[in-house]
């Protein structure tokens, strides 16, 4: 009976929580919002990084195939270029 009397004293919009509890909820809401925004930002960054990685990997694969094709088309020129680069690097190394 005492509980029903207390319930009658509360305003109808009250959910049965004290003002201190309501204040705590209001303080947690911004923290929850920041956490949610941080999680969403992290998810977007992860998606962007993944897409960039896949795009870069595809470009490197395409470049490797292109290089392989040009070596097969001109094997002598490829060997001479590789030798020239080797001599250049050896020259730089000795300095």
Protein backbone atom coordinates (compact mmCIF):
# COMPACT_ATOMS: atom_id res chain seq x y z
CA UNK A 1 0.00 0.00 0.00
CA UNK A 2 2.86 2.31 0.78
CA UNK A 3 4.31 1.64 -2.71
CA UNK A 4 1.08 2.59 -4.45
CA UNK A 5 0.99 5.85 -2.54
CA UNK A 6 4.54 6.64 -3.65
CA UNK A 7 3.69 5.77 -7.25
CA UNK A 8 0.77 8.17 -7.12
CA UNK A 9 3.08 10.97 -5.96
CA UNK A 10 5.41 10.60 -8.96
CA UNK A 11 4.62 12.63 -12.04
CA UNK A 12 3.22 10.52 -14.91
CA UNK A 13 6.22 11.24 -17.20
CA UNK A 14 8.63 9.82 -14.64
CA UNK A 15 9.89 6.33 -15.43
CA UNK A 16 10.39 5.48 -11.79
CA UNK A 17 13.96 6.73 -11.62
CA UNK A 18 15.31 9.35 -9.32
CA UNK A 19 16.63 12.69 -10.59
CA UNK A 20 20.17 11.49 -9.84
CA UNK A 21 19.62 8.44 -12.06
CA UNK A 22 18.19 10.61 -14.82
CA UNK A 23 21.24 12.89 -14.56
CA UNK A 24 23.52 9.86 -14.84
CA UNK A 25 21.71 8.75 -17.99
CA UNK A 26 22.10 12.20 -19.52
CA UNK A 27 25.82 12.10 -18.76
CA UNK A 28 26.17 8.62 -20.24
CA UNK A 29 24.34 9.52 -23.43
CA UNK A 30 27.11 11.85 -24.72
CA UNK A 31 29.71 9.22 -23.82
CA UNK A 32 27.68 6.58 -25.61
CA UNK A 33 27.29 8.90 -28.60
CA UNK A 34 31.05 9.54 -28.74
CA UNK A 35 31.72 5.81 -28.49
CA UNK A 36 29.24 5.13 -31.28
CA UNK A 37 30.76 7.82 -33.50
CA UNK A 38 34.25 6.47 -32.78
CA UNK A 39 33.17 2.95 -33.71
CA UNK A 40 31.56 4.18 -36.91
CA UNK A 41 34.65 6.20 -37.84
CA UNK A 42 36.89 3.19 -37.16
CA UNK A 43 34.66 1.01 -39.35
CA UNK A 44 34.79 3.55 -42.19
CA UNK A 45 38.58 3.85 -41.90
CA UNK A 46 38.90 0.06 -41.99
CA UNK A 47 36.72 -0.14 -45.10
CA UNK A 48 38.70 2.61 -46.84
CA UNK A 49 42.02 1.00 -45.91
CA UNK A 50 40.81 -2.38 -47.14
CA UNK A 51 39.61 -0.92 -50.43
CA UNK A 52 42.88 0.97 -50.91
CA UNK A 53 44.89 -2.16 -50.15
CA UNK A 54 42.92 -4.20 -52.66
CA UNK A 55 43.28 -1.49 -55.31
CA UNK A 56 47.04 -1.25 -54.73
CA UNK A 57 47.42 -5.02 -54.80
CA UNK A 58 45.54 -5.21 -58.11
CA UNK A 59 47.71 -2.44 -59.60
CA UNK A 60 50.91 -4.18 -58.50
CA UNK A 61 49.70 -7.46 -59.94
CA UNK A 62 48.89 -5.74 -63.23
CA UNK A 63 52.31 -4.05 -63.29
CA UNK A 64 54.01 -7.39 -62.64
CA UNK A 65 52.11 -9.01 -65.51
CA UNK A 66 52.99 -6.11 -67.79
CA UNK A 67 56.68 -6.39 -66.88
CA UNK A 68 56.62 -10.14 -67.46
CA UNK A 69 55.04 -9.64 -70.90
CA UNK A 70 57.65 -7.06 -71.92
CA UNK A 71 60.48 -9.38 -70.75
CA UNK A 72 59.02 -12.23 -72.82
CA UNK A 73 58.70 -9.94 -75.87
CA UNK A 74 62.28 -8.55 -75.62
CA UNK A 75 64.47 -10.90 -73.59
CA UNK A 76 67.84 -9.51 -74.83
CA UNK A 77 66.87 -5.91 -74.08
CA UNK A 78 65.66 -6.97 -70.64
CA UNK A 79 68.96 -8.70 -69.84
CA UNK A 80 70.98 -5.69 -71.05
CA UNK A 81 68.85 -3.29 -68.98
CA UNK A 82 69.26 -5.48 -65.89
CA UNK A 83 73.03 -5.63 -66.46
CA UNK A 84 73.20 -1.84 -66.88
CA UNK A 85 71.30 -1.32 -63.64
CA UNK A 86 73.61 -3.78 -61.90
CA UNK A 87 76.72 -1.95 -63.15
CA UNK A 88 75.27 1.39 -62.09
CA UNK A 89 74.50 0.11 -58.59
CA UNK A 90 77.98 -1.44 -58.33
CA UNK A 91 79.51 1.89 -59.32
CA UNK A 92 77.47 3.70 -56.67
CA UNK A 93 78.31 1.06 -54.07
CA UNK A 94 82.08 1.51 -54.53
CA UNK A 95 81.90 5.25 -53.96
